[in-house]
Amino acid sequence: MQEYSLKSIQNKDAFKSGFKVGIPIGLGYFAVAFSLGIAAKNAGLSPFEGFLTSALCNASAGEYAGFTIIAAGATYIEMALATLVANARYLLMSCAMSQRLDAKMPFIHRLIMGFYITDELFGAAIARPGTLNPYYTYGAVAAAAPCWAFGTMIGVLAGNLLPVRLVSAFSVALYGMFLAIIVPPARKSKVIAVLIVICFALSTLCSYLPYVRDISEGTRTIILTVVLSCAAALLFPVKEESETEEQCQ
């Protein structure tokens, strides 16, 4: 009985700590989700559909890819492949997090934690020492997830109410978000910077080349992403830390 009571207190404390961490994450999510809501409105989604999409998809890049494919009238297969490619990094994050979980943790906890793996929530959880308590993630999600879902819904509502010019101006904010994602890594690595430039150039070129331009935008994005990623992995493999240390010595 005492052991159960102690565990309950630990879970409660973990939830409170996670909730505090999730508040600033949620505020950031709201701003990004608002811009995604503008994109959802442009794709023809209703406020409820925008809310439901963000409630079920916790990835800005994958969600934006989905809205873009909906607006282009592409197929479900293209949407599935595009979101799979855009969100592939979460597979690696889930593998890393699984190494920090208690071997006796019930599957339901693993399932919920896996569903809510995002860059920010993963970073907050993995930074904690020792075995990960699922209630820490639940606390962070309780603060952040509503901001993500309601931010998208409010973005769709704003897109329906605001003038067209102002909606177009808000749409630019989403591109600013992606610039904030790609610029820091590009400044640290010349390889990444060159790959980004090549990606932009090839994407533009493919929209003008005969036959290739007839392929849907979603399919072109998938092909370019996979080809460039594979080429970069083969030509510029990331060195392991041990190899780097040996070279320094």
C-alpha atoms as a PDB file:
ATOM      1  CA  MET A   1       0.000   0.000   0.000  1.00  0.00           C
ATOM      2  CA  GLN A   2       2.793   2.416   0.904  1.00  0.00           C
ATOM      3  CA  GLU A   3       4.630   1.501  -2.292  1.00  0.00           C
ATOM      4  CA  TYR A   4       1.511   2.275  -4.366  1.00  0.00           C
ATOM      5  CA  SER A   5       1.035   5.600  -2.537  1.00  0.00           C
ATOM      6  CA  LEU A   6       4.677   6.580  -3.136  1.00  0.00           C
ATOM      7  CA  LYS A   7       4.399   5.714  -6.818  1.00  0.00           C
ATOM      8  CA  SER A   8       1.213   7.762  -7.104  1.00  0.00           C
ATOM      9  CA  ILE A   9       2.956  10.776  -5.573  1.00  0.00           C
ATOM     10  CA  GLN A  10       5.904  10.367  -7.954  1.00  0.00           C
ATOM     11  CA  ASN A  11       3.576  10.219 -10.939  1.00  0.00           C
ATOM     12  CA  LYS A  12       1.739  13.310  -9.722  1.00  0.00           C
ATOM     13  CA  ASP A  13       4.996  15.248  -9.307  1.00  0.00           C
ATOM     14  CA  ALA A  14       6.190  14.084 -12.738  1.00  0.00           C
ATOM     15  CA  PHE A  15       2.911  15.260 -14.290  1.00  0.00           C
ATOM     16  CA  LYS A  16       3.238  18.700 -12.680  1.00  0.00           C
ATOM     17  CA  SER A  17       6.849  19.038 -13.866  1.00  0.00           C
ATOM     18  CA  GLY A  18       5.870  18.027 -17.388  1.00  0.00           C
ATOM     19  CA  PHE A  19       2.950  20.464 -17.400  1.00  0.00           C
ATOM     20  CA  LYS A  20       5.229  23.365 -16.466  1.00  0.00           C
ATOM     21  CA  VAL A  21       7.634  22.461 -19.278  1.00  0.00           C
ATOM     22  CA  GLY A  22       4.729  22.056 -21.692  1.00  0.00           C
ATOM     23  CA  ILE A  23       3.401  25.612 -21.214  1.00  0.00           C
ATOM     24  CA  PRO A  24       6.134  27.432 -23.199  1.00  0.00           C
ATOM     25  CA  ILE A  25       6.141  24.582 -25.721  1.00  0.00           C
ATOM     26  CA  GLY A  26       2.388  25.025 -26.125  1.00  0.00           C
ATOM     27  CA  LEU A  27       2.725  28.778 -26.710  1.00  0.00           C
ATOM     28  CA  GLY A  28       5.192  28.084 -29.488  1.00  0.00           C
ATOM     29  CA  TYR A  29       2.893  25.424 -30.904  1.00  0.00           C
ATOM     30  CA  PHE A  30      -0.019  27.859 -30.966  1.00  0.00           C
ATOM     31  CA  ALA A  31       1.859  30.346 -33.154  1.00  0.00           C
ATOM     32  CA  VAL A  32       2.919  27.650 -35.625  1.00  0.00           C
ATOM     33  CA  ALA A  33      -0.510  25.983 -35.599  1.00  0.00           C
ATOM     34  CA  PHE A  34      -2.167  29.325 -36.372  1.00  0.00           C
ATOM     35  CA  SER A  35      -0.110  29.557 -39.565  1.00  0.00           C
ATOM     36  CA  LEU A  36      -0.964  25.927 -40.352  1.00  0.00           C
ATOM     37  CA  GLY A  37      -4.619  26.869 -39.913  1.00  0.00           C
ATOM     38  CA  ILE A  38      -4.225  29.454 -42.664  1.00  0.00           C
ATOM     39  CA  ALA A  39      -2.804  26.728 -44.916  1.00  0.00           C
ATOM     40  CA  ALA A  40      -5.683  24.429 -43.926  1.00  0.00           C
ATOM     41  CA  LYS A  41      -8.191  27.122 -44.836  1.00  0.00           C
ATOM     42  CA  ASN A  42      -6.532  27.597 -48.213  1.00  0.00           C
ATOM     43  CA  ALA A  43      -6.830  23.817 -48.728  1.00  0.00           C
ATOM     44  CA  GLY A  44     -10.592  24.022 -48.099  1.00  0.00           C
ATOM     45  CA  LEU A  45     -10.737  22.534 -44.587  1.00  0.00           C
ATOM     46  CA  SER A  46     -13.333  23.606 -42.032  1.00  0.00           C
ATOM     47  CA  PRO A  47     -12.365  24.764 -38.514  1.00  0.00           C
ATOM     48  CA  PHE A  48     -13.368  21.387 -37.047  1.00  0.00           C
ATOM     49  CA  GLU A  49     -11.410  19.513 -39.716  1.00  0.00           C
ATOM     50  CA  GLY A  50      -8.371  21.659 -38.956  1.00  0.00           C
ATOM     51  CA  PHE A  51      -8.776  20.963 -35.238  1.00  0.00           C
ATOM     52  CA  LEU A  52      -9.169  17.210 -35.813  1.00  0.00           C
ATOM     53  CA  THR A  53      -6.149  17.101 -38.138  1.00  0.00           C
ATOM     54  CA  SER A  54      -3.870  18.691 -35.546  1.00  0.00           C
ATOM     55  CA  ALA A  55      -5.342  16.527 -32.789  1.00  0.00           C
ATOM     56  CA  LEU A  56      -4.370  13.419 -34.750  1.00  0.00           C
ATOM     57  CA  CYS A  57      -1.143  14.640 -36.361  1.00  0.00           C
ATOM     58  CA  ASN A  58       1.561  16.104 -34.119  1.00  0.00           C
ATOM     59  CA  ALA A  59       4.025  17.171 -36.818  1.00  0.00           C
ATOM     60  CA  SER A  60       4.149  20.580 -38.498  1.00  0.00           C
ATOM     61  CA  ALA A  61       6.076  19.423 -41.572  1.00  0.00           C
ATOM     62  CA  GLY A  62       3.881  16.368 -42.092  1.00  0.00           C
ATOM     63  CA  GLU A  63       0.704  18.353 -41.544  1.00  0.00           C
ATOM     64  CA  TYR A  64       1.754  21.089 -43.934  1.00  0.00           C
ATOM     65  CA  ALA A  65       2.645  18.442 -46.520  1.00  0.00           C
ATOM     66  CA  GLY A  66      -0.828  16.988 -46.049  1.00  0.00           C
ATOM     67  CA  PHE A  67      -2.541  20.347 -46.517  1.00  0.00           C
ATOM     68  CA  THR A  68      -0.457  21.035 -49.622  1.00  0.00           C
ATOM     69  CA  ILE A  69      -1.417  17.664 -51.114  1.00  0.00           C
ATOM     70  CA  ILE A  70      -5.101  18.232 -50.280  1.00  0.00           C
ATOM     71  CA  ALA A  71      -4.965  21.629 -51.997  1.00  0.00           C
ATOM     72  CA  ALA A  72      -3.336  20.012 -55.046  1.00  0.00           C
ATOM     73  CA  GLY A  73      -6.034  17.345 -55.204  1.00  0.00           C
ATOM     74  CA  ALA A  74      -3.494  14.506 -55.020  1.00  0.00           C
ATOM     75  CA  THR A  75      -4.203  10.912 -54.034  1.00  0.00           C
ATOM     76  CA  TYR A  76      -4.284   9.315 -50.582  1.00  0.00           C
ATOM     77  CA  ILE A  77      -1.220   7.242 -51.450  1.00  0.00           C
ATOM     78  CA  GLU A  78       0.783  10.387 -52.221  1.00  0.00           C
ATOM     79  CA  MET A  79      -0.318  11.904 -48.921  1.00  0.00           C
ATOM     80  CA  ALA A  80       0.640   8.776 -46.987  1.00  0.00           C
ATOM     81  CA  LEU A  81       4.081   8.623 -48.603  1.00  0.00           C
ATOM     82  CA  ALA A  82       4.719  12.347 -48.176  1.00  0.00           C
ATOM     83  CA  THR A  83       3.848  12.335 -44.472  1.00  0.00           C
ATOM     84  CA  LEU A  84       5.860   9.142 -43.958  1.00  0.00           C
ATOM     85  CA  VAL A  85       8.965  10.745 -45.488  1.00  0.00           C
ATOM     86  CA  ALA A  86       8.441  14.060 -43.676  1.00  0.00           C
ATOM     87  CA  ASN A  87       7.983  12.337 -40.302  1.00  0.00           C
ATOM     88  CA  ALA A  88      10.577   9.567 -40.672  1.00  0.00           C
ATOM     89  CA  ARG A  89      12.838  11.179 -38.066  1.00  0.00           C
ATOM     90  CA  TYR A  90      10.311  10.318 -35.369  1.00  0.00           C
ATOM     91  CA  LEU A  91      11.107   6.645 -35.891  1.00  0.00           C
ATOM     92  CA  LEU A  92      14.641   7.355 -34.707  1.00  0.00           C
ATOM     93  CA  MET A  93      13.385   9.421 -31.769  1.00  0.00           C
ATOM     94  CA  SER A  94      11.051   6.637 -30.662  1.00  0.00           C
ATOM     95  CA  CYS A  95      13.922   4.128 -30.795  1.00  0.00           C
ATOM     96  CA  ALA A  96      16.061   6.433 -28.653  1.00  0.00           C
ATOM     97  CA  MET A  97      13.253   6.959 -26.154  1.00  0.00           C
ATOM     98  CA  SER A  98      12.543   3.218 -25.915  1.00  0.00           C
ATOM     99  CA  GLN A  99      16.010   2.721 -24.448  1.00  0.00           C
ATOM    100  CA  ARG A 100      15.074   4.950 -21.505  1.00  0.00           C
ATOM    101  CA  LEU A 101      11.805   3.209 -20.614  1.00  0.00           C
ATOM    102  CA  ASP A 102      11.240   0.714 -17.824  1.00  0.00           C
ATOM    103  CA  ALA A 103      11.171  -2.803 -19.267  1.00  0.00           C
ATOM    104  CA  LYS A 104       7.995  -3.488 -17.266  1.00  0.00           C
ATOM    105  CA  MET A 105       6.149  -0.422 -18.575  1.00  0.00           C
ATOM    106  CA  PRO A 106       2.699  -1.405 -19.948  1.00  0.00           C
ATOM    107  CA  PHE A 107       2.194  -1.207 -23.708  1.00  0.00           C
ATOM    108  CA  ILE A 108      -0.529   1.459 -23.408  1.00  0.00           C
ATOM    109  CA  HIS A 109       1.985   3.906 -21.919  1.00  0.00           C
ATOM    110  CA  ARG A 110       4.470   3.176 -24.716  1.00  0.00           C
ATOM    111  CA  LEU A 111       1.741   3.684 -27.315  1.00  0.00           C
ATOM    112  CA  ILE A 112       0.645   7.066 -25.954  1.00  0.00           C
ATOM    113  CA  MET A 113       4.213   8.325 -25.510  1.00  0.00           C
ATOM    114  CA  GLY A 114       5.036   7.228 -29.049  1.00  0.00           C
ATOM    115  CA  PHE A 115       1.993   9.017 -30.439  1.00  0.00           C
ATOM    116  CA  TYR A 116       3.066  12.304 -28.870  1.00  0.00           C
ATOM    117  CA  ILE A 117       6.735  12.248 -29.884  1.00  0.00           C
ATOM    118  CA  THR A 118       7.593  15.641 -31.361  1.00  0.00           C
ATOM    119  CA  ASP A 119      10.918  17.452 -31.580  1.00  0.00           C
ATOM    120  CA  GLU A 120      10.180  19.588 -28.517  1.00  0.00           C
ATOM    121  CA  LEU A 121       8.441  16.988 -26.341  1.00  0.00           C
ATOM    122  CA  PHE A 122      11.106  14.413 -27.167  1.00  0.00           C
ATOM    123  CA  GLY A 123      13.857  16.877 -26.252  1.00  0.00           C
ATOM    124  CA  ALA A 124      12.181  17.739 -22.943  1.00  0.00           C
ATOM    125  CA  ALA A 125      11.659  14.081 -22.008  1.00  0.00           C
ATOM    126  CA  ILE A 126      15.028  12.714 -23.087  1.00  0.00           C
ATOM    127  CA  ALA A 127      16.856  15.460 -21.187  1.00  0.00           C
ATOM    128  CA  ARG A 128      15.581  14.097 -17.876  1.00  0.00           C
ATOM    129  CA  PRO A 129      17.992  11.740 -16.102  1.00  0.00           C
ATOM    130  CA  GLY A 130      17.189   8.133 -15.354  1.00  0.00           C
ATOM    131  CA  THR A 131      14.195   6.089 -16.448  1.00  0.00           C
ATOM    132  CA  LEU A 132      11.472   8.112 -18.160  1.00  0.00           C
ATOM    133  CA  ASN A 133       8.193   8.478 -16.303  1.00  0.00           C
ATOM    134  CA  PRO A 134       5.251   8.486 -18.766  1.00  0.00           C
ATOM    135  CA  TYR A 135       3.361  10.940 -16.577  1.00  0.00           C
ATOM    136  CA  TYR A 136       5.995  13.577 -17.289  1.00  0.00           C
ATOM    137  CA  THR A 137       5.132  13.283 -20.985  1.00  0.00           C
ATOM    138  CA  TYR A 138       1.404  13.306 -20.169  1.00  0.00           C
ATOM    139  CA  GLY A 139       1.827  16.568 -18.264  1.00  0.00           C
ATOM    140  CA  ALA A 140       3.710  18.206 -21.128  1.00  0.00           C
ATOM    141  CA  VAL A 141       1.122  16.938 -23.614  1.00  0.00           C
ATOM    142  CA  ALA A 142      -1.756  18.243 -21.458  1.00  0.00           C
ATOM    143  CA  ALA A 143      -0.333  21.757 -21.826  1.00  0.00           C
ATOM    144  CA  ALA A 144       0.980  21.601 -25.397  1.00  0.00           C
ATOM    145  CA  ALA A 145      -1.508  19.451 -27.365  1.00  0.00           C
ATOM    146  CA  PRO A 146      -4.575  21.710 -26.877  1.00  0.00           C
ATOM    147  CA  CYS A 147      -2.558  24.721 -28.060  1.00  0.00           C
ATOM    148  CA  TRP A 148      -1.608  22.801 -31.209  1.00  0.00           C
ATOM    149  CA  ALA A 149      -5.158  21.685 -32.033  1.00  0.00           C
ATOM    150  CA  PHE A 150      -6.971  24.897 -31.101  1.00  0.00           C
ATOM    151  CA  GLY A 151      -4.281  27.015 -32.782  1.00  0.00           C
ATOM    152  CA  THR A 152      -5.026  25.312 -36.094  1.00  0.00           C
ATOM    153  CA  MET A 153      -8.758  25.743 -35.618  1.00  0.00           C
ATOM    154  CA  ILE A 154      -8.397  29.432 -34.807  1.00  0.00           C
ATOM    155  CA  GLY A 155      -6.106  29.830 -37.825  1.00  0.00           C
ATOM    156  CA  VAL A 156      -8.843  28.399 -40.076  1.00  0.00           C
ATOM    157  CA  LEU A 157     -11.440  30.695 -38.481  1.00  0.00           C
ATOM    158  CA  ALA A 158      -9.160  33.698 -38.935  1.00  0.00           C
ATOM    159  CA  GLY A 159      -8.619  32.703 -42.558  1.00  0.00           C
ATOM    160  CA  ASN A 160     -12.380  32.750 -43.089  1.00  0.00           C
ATOM    161  CA  LEU A 161     -12.881  36.102 -41.384  1.00  0.00           C
ATOM    162  CA  LEU A 162      -9.809  38.118 -42.325  1.00  0.00           C
ATOM    163  CA  PRO A 163      -9.321  39.864 -45.692  1.00  0.00           C
ATOM    164  CA  VAL A 164      -7.630  37.837 -48.442  1.00  0.00           C
ATOM    165  CA  ARG A 165      -4.519  40.048 -48.435  1.00  0.00           C
ATOM    166  CA  LEU A 166      -4.060  39.613 -44.699  1.00  0.00           C
ATOM    167  CA  VAL A 167      -4.512  35.845 -45.008  1.00  0.00           C
ATOM    168  CA  SER A 168      -1.793  35.787 -47.671  1.00  0.00           C
ATOM    169  CA  ALA A 169       0.466  37.752 -45.329  1.00  0.00           C
ATOM    170  CA  PHE A 170      -0.104  35.244 -42.521  1.00  0.00           C
ATOM    171  CA  SER A 171       0.711  32.411 -44.927  1.00  0.00           C
ATOM    172  CA  VAL A 172       4.236  33.796 -45.193  1.00  0.00           C
ATOM    173  CA  ALA A 173       4.734  33.096 -41.473  1.00  0.00           C
ATOM    174  CA  LEU A 174       4.714  29.381 -42.204  1.00  0.00           C
ATOM    175  CA  TYR A 175       7.631  29.749 -44.589  1.00  0.00           C
ATOM    176  CA  GLY A 176       9.401  31.685 -41.848  1.00  0.00           C
ATOM    177  CA  MET A 177       8.931  28.676 -39.579  1.00  0.00           C
ATOM    178  CA  PHE A 178      10.617  26.385 -42.104  1.00  0.00           C
ATOM    179  CA  LEU A 179      13.452  28.869 -42.549  1.00  0.00           C
ATOM    180  CA  ALA A 180      13.949  28.785 -38.787  1.00  0.00           C
ATOM    181  CA  ILE A 181      14.247  24.984 -39.060  1.00  0.00           C
ATOM    182  CA  ILE A 182      16.748  24.810 -41.938  1.00  0.00           C
ATOM    183  CA  VAL A 183      18.941  27.880 -41.339  1.00  0.00           C
ATOM    184  CA  PRO A 184      20.641  26.812 -38.039  1.00  0.00           C
ATOM    185  CA  PRO A 185      21.771  23.393 -39.379  1.00  0.00           C
ATOM    186  CA  ALA A 186      22.852  25.026 -42.652  1.00  0.00           C
ATOM    187  CA  ARG A 187      25.057  27.490 -40.775  1.00  0.00           C
ATOM    188  CA  LYS A 188      26.768  24.650 -38.909  1.00  0.00           C
ATOM    189  CA  SER A 189      27.279  22.355 -41.914  1.00  0.00           C
ATOM    190  CA  LYS A 190      28.312  23.369 -45.432  1.00  0.00           C
ATOM    191  CA  VAL A 191      27.052  20.008 -46.714  1.00  0.00           C
ATOM    192  CA  ILE A 192      23.536  20.716 -45.426  1.00  0.00           C
ATOM    193  CA  ALA A 193      23.631  24.236 -46.848  1.00  0.00           C
ATOM    194  CA  VAL A 194      24.633  22.955 -50.292  1.00  0.00           C
ATOM    195  CA  LEU A 195      21.972  20.240 -50.163  1.00  0.00           C
ATOM    196  CA  ILE A 196      19.282  22.812 -49.342  1.00  0.00           C
ATOM    197  CA  VAL A 197      20.327  24.970 -52.301  1.00  0.00           C
ATOM    198  CA  ILE A 198      20.378  21.909 -54.595  1.00  0.00           C
ATOM    199  CA  CYS A 199      16.941  20.886 -53.318  1.00  0.00           C
ATOM    200  CA  PHE A 200      15.498  24.321 -54.066  1.00  0.00           C
ATOM    201  CA  ALA A 201      17.099  24.368 -57.520  1.00  0.00           C
ATOM    202  CA  LEU A 202      15.939  20.864 -58.468  1.00  0.00           C
ATOM    203  CA  SER A 203      12.437  21.500 -57.146  1.00  0.00           C
ATOM    204  CA  THR A 204      12.173  24.617 -59.325  1.00  0.00           C
ATOM    205  CA  LEU A 205      13.697  22.839 -62.315  1.00  0.00           C
ATOM    206  CA  CYS A 206      11.315  19.895 -62.033  1.00  0.00           C
ATOM    207  CA  SER A 207       8.329  22.227 -62.287  1.00  0.00           C
ATOM    208  CA  TYR A 208       9.506  23.289 -65.775  1.00  0.00           C
ATOM    209  CA  LEU A 209      11.042  20.124 -67.246  1.00  0.00           C
ATOM    210  CA  PRO A 210       8.913  18.254 -69.799  1.00  0.00           C
ATOM    211  CA  TYR A 211       7.215  15.081 -68.509  1.00  0.00           C
ATOM    212  CA  VAL A 212       8.509  15.720 -64.982  1.00  0.00           C
ATOM    213  CA  ARG A 213       6.306  18.785 -64.568  1.00  0.00           C
ATOM    214  CA  ASP A 214       3.288  16.605 -65.375  1.00  0.00           C
ATOM    215  CA  ILE A 215       3.932  14.592 -62.199  1.00  0.00           C
ATOM    216  CA  SER A 216       1.970  15.870 -59.211  1.00  0.00           C
ATOM    217  CA  GLU A 217       3.761  18.182 -56.817  1.00  0.00           C
ATOM    218  CA  GLY A 218       3.391  15.704 -53.964  1.00  0.00           C
ATOM    219  CA  THR A 219       5.047  12.889 -55.912  1.00  0.00           C
ATOM    220  CA  ARG A 220       7.888  15.169 -57.055  1.00  0.00           C
ATOM    221  CA  THR A 221       8.511  16.186 -53.442  1.00  0.00           C
ATOM    222  CA  ILE A 222       8.646  12.551 -52.307  1.00  0.00           C
ATOM    223  CA  ILE A 223      11.065  11.559 -55.101  1.00  0.00           C
ATOM    224  CA  LEU A 224      13.379  14.523 -54.507  1.00  0.00           C
ATOM    225  CA  THR A 225      13.406  13.981 -50.739  1.00  0.00           C
ATOM    226  CA  VAL A 226      14.248  10.286 -50.973  1.00  0.00           C
ATOM    227  CA  VAL A 227      16.854  10.690 -53.756  1.00  0.00           C
ATOM    228  CA  LEU A 228      18.683  13.608 -52.128  1.00  0.00           C
ATOM    229  CA  SER A 229      18.592  11.998 -48.664  1.00  0.00           C
ATOM    230  CA  CYS A 230      20.029   8.735 -49.976  1.00  0.00           C
ATOM    231  CA  ALA A 231      22.691  10.558 -52.001  1.00  0.00           C
ATOM    232  CA  ALA A 232      23.733  12.646 -49.002  1.00  0.00           C
ATOM    233  CA  ALA A 233      23.877   9.570 -46.747  1.00  0.00           C
ATOM    234  CA  LEU A 234      26.118   7.726 -49.237  1.00  0.00           C
ATOM    235  CA  LEU A 235      28.404  10.636 -50.167  1.00  0.00           C
ATOM    236  CA  PHE A 236      28.617  12.357 -46.785  1.00  0.00           C
ATOM    237  CA  PRO A 237      28.034   9.749 -44.043  1.00  0.00           C
ATOM    238  CA  VAL A 238      27.924  11.025 -40.483  1.00  0.00           C
ATOM    239  CA  LYS A 239      31.004   9.889 -38.563  1.00  0.00           C
ATOM    240  CA  GLU A 240      30.556   8.132 -35.260  1.00  0.00           C
ATOM    241  CA  GLU A 241      31.834   9.926 -32.168  1.00  0.00           C
ATOM    242  CA  SER A 242      34.448   7.223 -31.529  1.00  0.00           C
ATOM    243  CA  GLU A 243      35.881   7.643 -35.040  1.00  0.00           C
ATOM    244  CA  THR A 244      36.040  11.385 -34.580  1.00  0.00           C
ATOM    245  CA  GLU A 245      37.830  11.053 -31.258  1.00  0.00           C
ATOM    246  CA  GLU A 246      40.398   8.643 -32.745  1.00  0.00           C
ATOM    247  CA  GLN A 247      41.172  11.078 -35.513  1.00  0.00           C
ATOM    248  CA  CYS A 248      41.625  13.905 -33.015  1.00  0.00           C
ATOM    249  CA  GLN A 249      44.065  11.784 -31.008  1.00  0.00           C
END
